């Protein structure tokens, strides 16, 4: 069994002293935000179609269950002439 462990890479440092500057943090956050936005945009059409299909299935099930219950609870009155 193999484990998929993340690869640890050294963080590039912009200053010779080895300090991480605020601009480094901001640039990395912007990079991550860009990747998240790209992934979100790619997943939107699939999620939209899945949501529409799910709603249609739910409405169809509610209709069929209501129809079945309506048939079983309906009252028949028989009128006969004397």
PDB file of N, CA and C in Angstrom:
ATOM      1  N   UNK A   1       0.857  -1.163   0.000  1.00  0.00           N
ATOM      2  CA  UNK A   1       0.000   0.000   0.000  1.00  0.00           C
ATOM      3  C   UNK A   1       0.904   1.228   0.000  1.00  0.00           C
ATOM      4  N   UNK A   2       0.652   2.153  -0.894  1.00  0.00           N
ATOM      5  CA  UNK A   2       1.481   3.357  -0.949  1.00  0.00           C
ATOM      6  C   UNK A   2       0.691   4.550  -0.429  1.00  0.00           C
ATOM      7  N   UNK A   3       1.393   5.417   0.260  1.00  0.00           N
ATOM      8  CA  UNK A   3       0.776   6.624   0.793  1.00  0.00           C
ATOM      9  C   UNK A   3       1.146   7.792  -0.099  1.00  0.00           C
ATOM     10  N   UNK A   4       0.171   8.620  -0.403  1.00  0.00           N
ATOM     11  CA  UNK A   4       0.426   9.818  -1.194  1.00  0.00           C
ATOM     12  C   UNK A   4       0.673  10.983  -0.246  1.00  0.00           C
ATOM     13  N   UNK A   5       1.917  11.171   0.115  1.00  0.00           N
ATOM     14  CA  UNK A   5       2.277  12.247   1.021  1.00  0.00           C
ATOM     15  C   UNK A   5       2.642  13.488   0.219  1.00  0.00           C
ATOM     16  N   UNK A   6       2.343  14.665   0.747  1.00  0.00           N
ATOM     17  CA  UNK A   6       2.687  15.876   0.013  1.00  0.00           C
ATOM     18  C   UNK A   6       4.203  16.071  -0.044  1.00  0.00           C
ATOM     19  N   UNK A   7       4.635  16.675  -1.125  1.00  0.00           N
ATOM     20  CA  UNK A   7       6.051  16.956  -1.301  1.00  0.00           C
ATOM     21  C   UNK A   7       6.360  18.265  -0.598  1.00  0.00           C
ATOM     22  N   UNK A   8       7.375  18.263   0.224  1.00  0.00           N
ATOM     23  CA  UNK A   8       7.759  19.465   0.957  1.00  0.00           C
ATOM     24  C   UNK A   8       8.851  20.169   0.161  1.00  0.00           C
ATOM     25  N   UNK A   9       8.577  21.406  -0.230  1.00  0.00           N
ATOM     26  CA  UNK A   9       9.538  22.198  -0.997  1.00  0.00           C
ATOM     27  C   UNK A   9       9.994  23.385  -0.158  1.00  0.00           C
ATOM     28  N   UNK A  10      11.235  23.787  -0.295  1.00  0.00           N
ATOM     29  CA  UNK A  10      11.690  24.966   0.442  1.00  0.00           C
ATOM     30  C   UNK A  10      11.015  26.221  -0.109  1.00  0.00           C
ATOM     31  N   UNK A  11      10.725  27.146   0.777  1.00  0.00           N
ATOM     32  CA  UNK A  11      10.092  28.394   0.395  1.00  0.00           C
ATOM     33  C   UNK A  11      11.163  29.360  -0.071  1.00  0.00           C
ATOM     34  N   UNK A  12      11.002  29.931  -1.283  1.00  0.00           N
ATOM     35  CA  UNK A  12      12.006  30.895  -1.737  1.00  0.00           C
ATOM     36  C   UNK A  12      11.931  32.174  -0.897  1.00  0.00           C
ATOM     37  N   UNK A  13      13.064  32.650  -0.512  1.00  0.00           N
ATOM     38  CA  UNK A  13      13.136  33.843   0.327  1.00  0.00           C
ATOM     39  C   UNK A  13      13.667  34.992  -0.520  1.00  0.00           C
ATOM     40  N   UNK A  14      13.003  36.153  -0.402  1.00  0.00           N
ATOM     41  CA  UNK A  14      13.381  37.264  -1.258  1.00  0.00           C
ATOM     42  C   UNK A  14      14.505  38.114  -0.692  1.00  0.00           C
ATOM     43  N   UNK A  15      14.809  37.957   0.555  1.00  0.00           N
ATOM     44  CA  UNK A  15      15.862  38.780   1.146  1.00  0.00           C
ATOM     45  C   UNK A  15      17.065  37.918   1.505  1.00  0.00           C
ATOM     46  N   UNK A  16      18.263  38.493   1.469  1.00  0.00           N
ATOM     47  CA  UNK A  16      19.461  37.705   1.807  1.00  0.00           C
ATOM     48  C   UNK A  16      19.516  37.290   3.272  1.00  0.00           C
ATOM     49  N   UNK A  17      18.815  38.004   4.140  1.00  0.00           N
ATOM     50  CA  UNK A  17      18.872  37.655   5.559  1.00  0.00           C
ATOM     51  C   UNK A  17      18.014  36.448   5.901  1.00  0.00           C
ATOM     52  N   UNK A  18      17.178  35.995   4.967  1.00  0.00           N
ATOM     53  CA  UNK A  18      16.351  34.824   5.212  1.00  0.00           C
ATOM     54  C   UNK A  18      15.022  35.143   5.857  1.00  0.00           C
ATOM     55  N   UNK A  19      14.682  36.422   5.961  1.00  0.00           N
ATOM     56  CA  UNK A  19      13.409  36.810   6.574  1.00  0.00           C
ATOM     57  C   UNK A  19      12.297  36.766   5.526  1.00  0.00           C
ATOM     58  N   UNK A  20      11.138  36.394   5.964  1.00  0.00           N
ATOM     59  CA  UNK A  20       9.968  36.396   5.095  1.00  0.00           C
ATOM     60  C   UNK A  20       9.280  37.752   5.246  1.00  0.00           C
ATOM     61  N   UNK A  21       9.160  38.442   4.148  1.00  0.00           N
ATOM     62  CA  UNK A  21       8.565  39.775   4.153  1.00  0.00           C
ATOM     63  C   UNK A  21       7.051  39.670   3.967  1.00  0.00           C
ATOM     64  N   UNK A  22       6.353  40.748   4.319  1.00  0.00           N
ATOM     65  CA  UNK A  22       4.909  40.807   4.153  1.00  0.00           C
ATOM     66  C   UNK A  22       4.525  40.677   2.675  1.00  0.00           C
ATOM     67  N   UNK A  23       5.343  41.221   1.795  1.00  0.00           N
ATOM     68  CA  UNK A  23       5.055  41.127   0.356  1.00  0.00           C
ATOM     69  C   UNK A  23       5.124  39.681  -0.121  1.00  0.00           C
ATOM     70  N   UNK A  24       6.019  38.871   0.470  1.00  0.00           N
ATOM     71  CA  UNK A  24       6.096  37.447   0.130  1.00  0.00           C
ATOM     72  C   UNK A  24       4.805  36.732   0.505  1.00  0.00           C
ATOM     73  N   UNK A  25       4.299  37.047   1.663  1.00  0.00           N
ATOM     74  CA  UNK A  25       3.056  36.424   2.135  1.00  0.00           C
ATOM     75  C   UNK A  25       1.894  36.846   1.246  1.00  0.00           C
ATOM     76  N   UNK A  26       1.836  38.124   0.920  1.00  0.00           N
ATOM     77  CA  UNK A  26       0.746  38.606   0.064  1.00  0.00           C
ATOM     78  C   UNK A  26       0.793  37.974  -1.316  1.00  0.00           C
ATOM     79  N   UNK A  27       1.977  37.868  -1.892  1.00  0.00           N
ATOM     80  CA  UNK A  27       2.075  37.282  -3.229  1.00  0.00           C
ATOM     81  C   UNK A  27       1.668  35.810  -3.211  1.00  0.00           C
ATOM     82  N   UNK A  28       2.038  35.095  -2.162  1.00  0.00           N
ATOM     83  CA  UNK A  28       1.662  33.678  -2.066  1.00  0.00           C
ATOM     84  C   UNK A  28       0.152  33.530  -1.885  1.00  0.00           C
ATOM     85  N   UNK A  29      -0.457  34.403  -1.080  1.00  0.00           N
ATOM     86  CA  UNK A  29      -1.910  34.350  -0.897  1.00  0.00           C
ATOM     87  C   UNK A  29      -2.639  34.660  -2.195  1.00  0.00           C
ATOM     88  N   UNK A  30      -2.130  35.612  -2.972  1.00  0.00           N
ATOM     89  CA  UNK A  30      -2.736  35.927  -4.274  1.00  0.00           C
ATOM     90  C   UNK A  30      -2.615  34.742  -5.229  1.00  0.00           C
ATOM     91  N   UNK A  31      -1.494  34.039  -5.181  1.00  0.00           N
ATOM     92  CA  UNK A  31      -1.303  32.862  -6.026  1.00  0.00           C
ATOM     93  C   UNK A  31      -2.317  31.774  -5.660  1.00  0.00           C
ATOM     94  N   UNK A  32      -2.494  31.543  -4.361  1.00  0.00           N
ATOM     95  CA  UNK A  32      -3.455  30.535  -3.901  1.00  0.00           C
ATOM     96  C   UNK A  32      -4.869  30.946  -4.281  1.00  0.00           C
ATOM     97  N   UNK A  33      -5.205  32.221  -4.104  1.00  0.00           N
ATOM     98  CA  UNK A  33      -6.540  32.705  -4.440  1.00  0.00           C
ATOM     99  C   UNK A  33      -6.827  32.517  -5.929  1.00  0.00           C
ATOM    100  N   UNK A  34      -5.831  32.747  -6.764  1.00  0.00           N
ATOM    101  CA  UNK A  34      -6.002  32.543  -8.202  1.00  0.00           C
ATOM    102  C   UNK A  34      -6.296  31.095  -8.543  1.00  0.00           C
ATOM    103  N   UNK A  35      -5.588  30.183  -7.902  1.00  0.00           N
ATOM    104  CA  UNK A  35      -5.812  28.756  -8.147  1.00  0.00           C
ATOM    105  C   UNK A  35      -7.208  28.343  -7.693  1.00  0.00           C
ATOM    106  N   UNK A  36      -7.653  28.854  -6.559  1.00  0.00           N
ATOM    107  CA  UNK A  36      -8.988  28.526  -6.051  1.00  0.00           C
ATOM    108  C   UNK A  36     -10.054  29.067  -7.002  1.00  0.00           C
ATOM    109  N   UNK A  37      -9.881  30.280  -7.488  1.00  0.00           N
ATOM    110  CA  UNK A  37     -10.852  30.863  -8.420  1.00  0.00           C
ATOM    111  C   UNK A  37     -10.933  30.067  -9.714  1.00  0.00           C
ATOM    112  N   UNK A  38      -9.784  29.606 -10.223  1.00  0.00           N
ATOM    113  CA  UNK A  38      -9.781  28.797 -11.449  1.00  0.00           C
ATOM    114  C   UNK A  38     -10.535  27.487 -11.234  1.00  0.00           C
ATOM    115  N   UNK A  39     -10.274  26.840 -10.115  1.00  0.00           N
ATOM    116  CA  UNK A  39     -10.939  25.570  -9.813  1.00  0.00           C
ATOM    117  C   UNK A  39     -12.442  25.774  -9.651  1.00  0.00           C
ATOM    118  N   UNK A  40     -12.828  26.860  -9.002  1.00  0.00           N
ATOM    119  CA  UNK A  40     -14.246  27.159  -8.805  1.00  0.00           C
ATOM    120  C   UNK A  40     -14.937  27.389 -10.139  1.00  0.00           C
ATOM    121  N   UNK A  41     -14.318  28.140 -11.014  1.00  0.00           N
ATOM    122  CA  UNK A  41     -14.909  28.418 -12.321  1.00  0.00           C
ATOM    123  C   UNK A  41     -15.052  27.149 -13.149  1.00  0.00           C
ATOM    124  N   UNK A  42     -14.115  26.223 -13.023  1.00  0.00           N
ATOM    125  CA  UNK A  42     -14.195  24.967 -13.766  1.00  0.00           C
ATOM    126  C   UNK A  42     -15.303  24.066 -13.232  1.00  0.00           C
ATOM    127  N   UNK A  43     -15.577  24.129 -11.933  1.00  0.00           N
ATOM    128  CA  UNK A  43     -16.556  23.232 -11.316  1.00  0.00           C
ATOM    129  C   UNK A  43     -17.980  23.771 -11.392  1.00  0.00           C
ATOM    130  N   UNK A  44     -18.171  25.051 -11.674  1.00  0.00           N
ATOM    131  CA  UNK A  44     -19.515  25.641 -11.660  1.00  0.00           C
ATOM    132  C   UNK A  44     -20.493  24.976 -12.621  1.00  0.00           C
ATOM    133  N   UNK A  45     -20.142  24.759 -13.899  1.00  0.00           N
ATOM    134  CA  UNK A  45     -21.139  24.139 -14.800  1.00  0.00           C
ATOM    135  C   UNK A  45     -21.575  22.754 -14.340  1.00  0.00           C
ATOM    136  N   UNK A  46     -20.649  21.952 -13.873  1.00  0.00           N
ATOM    137  CA  UNK A  46     -20.988  20.603 -13.419  1.00  0.00           C
ATOM    138  C   UNK A  46     -21.910  20.665 -12.208  1.00  0.00           C
ATOM    139  N   UNK A  47     -21.598  21.536 -11.273  1.00  0.00           N
ATOM    140  CA  UNK A  47     -22.440  21.678 -10.083  1.00  0.00           C
ATOM    141  C   UNK A  47     -23.830  22.191 -10.443  1.00  0.00           C
ATOM    142  N   UNK A  48     -23.903  23.099 -11.401  1.00  0.00           N
ATOM    143  CA  UNK A  48     -25.197  23.634 -11.810  1.00  0.00           C
ATOM    144  C   UNK A  48     -26.077  22.535 -12.396  1.00  0.00           C
ATOM    145  N   UNK A  49     -25.505  21.734 -13.283  1.00  0.00           N
ATOM    146  CA  UNK A  49     -26.282  20.637 -13.887  1.00  0.00           C
ATOM    147  C   UNK A  49     -26.702  19.616 -12.829  1.00  0.00           C
ATOM    148  N   UNK A  50     -25.807  19.298 -11.918  1.00  0.00           N
ATOM    149  CA  UNK A  50     -26.137  18.333 -10.872  1.00  0.00           C
ATOM    150  C   UNK A  50     -27.249  18.874  -9.972  1.00  0.00           C
ATOM    151  N   UNK A  51     -27.216  20.154  -9.671  1.00  0.00           N
ATOM    152  CA  UNK A  51     -28.254  20.759  -8.837  1.00  0.00           C
ATOM    153  C   UNK A  51     -29.607  20.732  -9.542  1.00  0.00           C
ATOM    154  N   UNK A  52     -29.636  21.046 -10.830  1.00  0.00           N
ATOM    155  CA  UNK A  52     -30.890  21.033 -11.590  1.00  0.00           C
ATOM    156  C   UNK A  52     -31.463  19.619 -11.640  1.00  0.00           C
ATOM    157  N   UNK A  53     -30.625  18.637 -11.916  1.00  0.00           N
ATOM    158  CA  UNK A  53     -31.095  17.248 -11.975  1.00  0.00           C
ATOM    159  C   UNK A  53     -31.602  16.806 -10.607  1.00  0.00           C
ATOM    160  N   UNK A  54     -30.896  17.174  -9.551  1.00  0.00           N
ATOM    161  CA  UNK A  54     -31.331  16.813  -8.197  1.00  0.00           C
ATOM    162  C   UNK A  54     -32.684  17.403  -7.848  1.00  0.00           C
ATOM    163  N   UNK A  55     -32.903  18.661  -8.222  1.00  0.00           N
ATOM    164  CA  UNK A  55     -34.190  19.309  -7.950  1.00  0.00           C
ATOM    165  C   UNK A  55     -35.303  18.628  -8.740  1.00  0.00           C
ATOM    166  N   UNK A  56     -35.037  18.301 -10.009  1.00  0.00           N
ATOM    167  CA  UNK A  56     -36.062  17.629 -10.820  1.00  0.00           C
ATOM    168  C   UNK A  56     -36.415  16.256 -10.244  1.00  0.00           C
ATOM    169  N   UNK A  57     -35.424  15.516  -9.789  1.00  0.00           N
ATOM    170  CA  UNK A  57     -35.679  14.202  -9.187  1.00  0.00           C
ATOM    171  C   UNK A  57     -36.499  14.360  -7.907  1.00  0.00           C
ATOM    172  N   UNK A  58     -36.169  15.353  -7.099  1.00  0.00           N
ATOM    173  CA  UNK A  58     -36.894  15.599  -5.856  1.00  0.00           C
ATOM    174  C   UNK A  58     -38.352  15.978  -6.123  1.00  0.00           C
ATOM    175  N   UNK A  59     -38.585  16.843  -7.106  1.00  0.00           N
ATOM    176  CA  UNK A  59     -39.952  17.240  -7.455  1.00  0.00           C
ATOM    177  C   UNK A  59     -40.722  16.039  -7.999  1.00  0.00           C
ATOM    178  N   UNK A  60     -40.069  15.233  -8.829  1.00  0.00           N
ATOM    179  CA  UNK A  60     -40.715  14.041  -9.374  1.00  0.00           C
ATOM    180  C   UNK A  60     -41.099  13.044  -8.289  1.00  0.00           C
ATOM    181  N   UNK A  61     -40.200  12.844  -7.330  1.00  0.00           N
ATOM    182  CA  UNK A  61     -40.514  11.935  -6.223  1.00  0.00           C
ATOM    183  C   UNK A  61     -41.665  12.464  -5.377  1.00  0.00           C
ATOM    184  N   UNK A  62     -41.669  13.759  -5.106  1.00  0.00           N
ATOM    185  CA  UNK A  62     -42.759  14.342  -4.314  1.00  0.00           C
ATOM    186  C   UNK A  62     -44.086  14.180  -5.057  1.00  0.00           C
ATOM    187  N   UNK A  63     -44.074  14.383  -6.370  1.00  0.00           N
ATOM    188  CA  UNK A  63     -45.298  14.219  -7.163  1.00  0.00           C
ATOM    189  C   UNK A  63     -45.809  12.786  -7.095  1.00  0.00           C
ATOM    190  N   UNK A  64     -44.901  11.823  -7.318  1.00  0.00           N
ATOM    191  CA  UNK A  64     -45.322  10.421  -7.316  1.00  0.00           C
ATOM    192  C   UNK A  64     -45.797   9.968  -5.940  1.00  0.00           C
ATOM    193  N   UNK A  65     -45.128  10.405  -4.883  1.00  0.00           N
ATOM    194  CA  UNK A  65     -45.560  10.019  -3.539  1.00  0.00           C
ATOM    195  C   UNK A  65     -46.909  10.653  -3.195  1.00  0.00           C
ATOM    196  N   UNK A  66     -47.121  11.875  -3.591  1.00  0.00           N
ATOM    197  CA  UNK A  66     -48.406  12.532  -3.344  1.00  0.00           C
ATOM    198  C   UNK A  66     -49.522  11.888  -4.143  1.00  0.00           C
ATOM    199  N   UNK A  67     -49.203  11.488  -5.351  1.00  0.00           N
ATOM    200  CA  UNK A  67     -50.210  10.835  -6.192  1.00  0.00           C
ATOM    201  C   UNK A  67     -50.617   9.485  -5.598  1.00  0.00           C
ATOM    202  N   UNK A  68     -49.626   8.739  -5.121  1.00  0.00           N
ATOM    203  CA  UNK A  68     -49.919   7.438  -4.513  1.00  0.00           C
ATOM    204  C   UNK A  68     -50.762   7.610  -3.253  1.00  0.00           C
ATOM    205  N   UNK A  69     -50.406   8.590  -2.432  1.00  0.00           N
ATOM    206  CA  UNK A  69     -51.150   8.823  -1.200  1.00  0.00           C
ATOM    207  C   UNK A  69     -52.568   9.313  -1.508  1.00  0.00           C
ATOM    208  N   UNK A  70     -52.698  10.124  -2.521  1.00  0.00           N
ATOM    209  CA  UNK A  70     -54.016  10.621  -2.903  1.00  0.00           C
ATOM    210  C   UNK A  70     -54.936   9.497  -3.369  1.00  0.00           C
ATOM    211  N   UNK A  71     -54.384   8.531  -4.084  1.00  0.00           N
ATOM    212  CA  UNK A  71     -55.197   7.404  -4.536  1.00  0.00           C
ATOM    213  C   UNK A  71     -55.624   6.530  -3.369  1.00  0.00           C
ATOM    214  N   UNK A  72     -54.740   6.343  -2.401  1.00  0.00           N
ATOM    215  CA  UNK A  72     -55.085   5.448  -1.293  1.00  0.00           C
ATOM    216  C   UNK A  72     -56.030   6.107  -0.292  1.00  0.00           C
ATOM    217  N   UNK A  73     -56.065   7.416  -0.227  1.00  0.00           N
ATOM    218  CA  UNK A  73     -56.914   8.099   0.749  1.00  0.00           C
ATOM    219  C   UNK A  73     -58.192   8.656   0.129  1.00  0.00           C
ATOM    220  N   UNK A  74     -58.388   8.449  -1.151  1.00  0.00           N
ATOM    221  CA  UNK A  74     -59.594   9.011  -1.771  1.00  0.00           C
ATOM    222  C   UNK A  74     -60.830   8.225  -1.318  1.00  0.00           C
ATOM    223  N   UNK A  75     -61.911   8.911  -1.199  1.00  0.00           N
ATOM    224  CA  UNK A  75     -63.152   8.314  -0.726  1.00  0.00           C
ATOM    225  C   UNK A  75     -64.085   8.083  -1.908  1.00  0.00           C
ATOM    226  N   UNK A  76     -64.681   6.895  -1.942  1.00  0.00           N
ATOM    227  CA  UNK A  76     -65.652   6.575  -2.987  1.00  0.00           C
ATOM    228  C   UNK A  76     -67.030   6.535  -2.344  1.00  0.00           C
ATOM    229  N   UNK A  77     -67.921   7.262  -2.913  1.00  0.00           N
ATOM    230  CA  UNK A  77     -69.313   7.256  -2.426  1.00  0.00           C
ATOM    231  C   UNK A  77     -70.152   6.628  -3.530  1.00  0.00           C
ATOM    232  N   UNK A  78     -70.857   5.587  -3.150  1.00  0.00           N
ATOM    233  CA  UNK A  78     -71.695   4.903  -4.121  1.00  0.00           C
ATOM    234  C   UNK A  78     -73.141   5.272  -3.829  1.00  0.00           C
ATOM    235  N   UNK A  79     -73.792   5.775  -4.840  1.00  0.00           N
ATOM    236  CA  UNK A  79     -75.201   6.155  -4.700  1.00  0.00           C
ATOM    237  C   UNK A  79     -76.008   5.158  -5.506  1.00  0.00           C
ATOM    238  N   UNK A  80     -76.970   4.568  -4.830  1.00  0.00           N
ATOM    239  CA  UNK A  80     -77.824   3.586  -5.527  1.00  0.00           C
ATOM    240  C   UNK A  80     -79.278   4.040  -5.446  1.00  0.00           C
ATOM    241  N   UNK A  81     -80.035   3.777  -6.479  1.00  0.00           N
ATOM    242  CA  UNK A  81     -81.470   4.138  -6.516  1.00  0.00           C
ATOM    243  C   UNK A  81     -82.291   2.996  -5.944  1.00  0.00           C
ATOM    244  N   UNK A  82     -83.312   3.364  -5.271  1.00  0.00           N
ATOM    245  CA  UNK A  82     -84.211   2.348  -4.734  1.00  0.00           C
ATOM    246  C   UNK A  82     -85.426   2.184  -5.566  1.00  0.00           C
TER     247      UNK A  82
END
